[in-house]
Amino acid sequence: METQVITEAEIKEQQLLIAQWMQVPEEIIGILNQDLPWRIREWMYLCALDQMPTEILEKMSGWELGKIQRERMGYLQKKFQDTDLIERAMKESQDRLEILAANSERLTVIIQDGLEKVLQDLTKEKEELKQKSEQLWKEKRELESQLQQIEQLLKKEQESRQSAEENARILSEKADTYHRELLQFQKAEKRQIPKEMIPIVEPEKGYWKNRRHQKMAKEEAEQRKKEMETFIKEVMDNSEFTEAQSDYLLTCLERGDKVEDVLYLAKPSLSVEHMERMRKMEQKRRMEATGQKTQKKRYFWEREKH
């Protein structure tokens, strides 16, 4: 592996780390941690490893490099007392420095490799977190969109239900009105029939007369009920009719038209205008037929009278 250049700050950090590992006292480590020229600190670092007294090291921060070197040499001479011991100590010190330098280099490589590995792991984890965050935001937006759609559907369903209830109420009112007007129309038709055309029927008396009237009223009520159920099923409940078509057919009932006549016009393919034209044509035809029939009856009645 290619050796990278180490800065002074990194050298200082490694020196302090090795000094701690060599069990140098904390007060000396504090001295070495001062802001000093790196060559001064390097020789003070060697003096610290040689176990020179703290009071001497404190003074060295203001000395020149040559004075520090001489002080160290004098300290080593006093400590070992002969040249051989000094040379051996210096040799051992040099070897120790080489070992420490090699260890320091290896430690630097290990630290750098570890930092690179940590940075790679952090970058990978950051990317994974970013992807998870984007996925969560995407899911959140989808959920919000689904909630909005559900709220819109619920709102439409509520409006449809309210509209259906309102239509049912209107239809019920119109059906009641139709029944009332139908009865009035039937009574009016009976009043308009000439007396000479009303067949003479011997009035029934007593119990049988009441039974007959009750039966006829019951049959008429059942017949009207069946006709209305048929109309509601084939027209009002049929989704093929538009609102305008259904309203027109119901209006025809309100006018007094018979259910069978209205159902004859009830075709989804016919427009309201066409239904109205066909209704008028049918009314005209019936009026003409009724007029001819009435004239014929009057003719025979006059003939029999004379």
Foldseek 3Di string as FASTA:
>chain_A
DDQDDDDLVLVLVLLLVVCVVLVQDPLLSVLLPDDAPSLLSVLLSLVSSVVDDPVVSNVSRPDDPVVSVVVSLVVLCVVQVDDVSSVVVVVVSVVVVVVSVVVSSVVVVVVVVVVVVVVVVVVVVVVVVVVVVVVVVVVVVVVVVVVVVVVVVVVVVVVVVVVVVVVVVVVVVLVVLLVVLLVVVVVVVVVPDDPVPDDDDDDDDDDVNVVVVVVVVVVVVVVVVVLVVVCCVLQVVDPLADPVLSVLLSVCSSVNDDSVLSVVLPDSVDDSVRSVVVVVVVVVVVVVVVVVVVVVVVVVVVVVVD
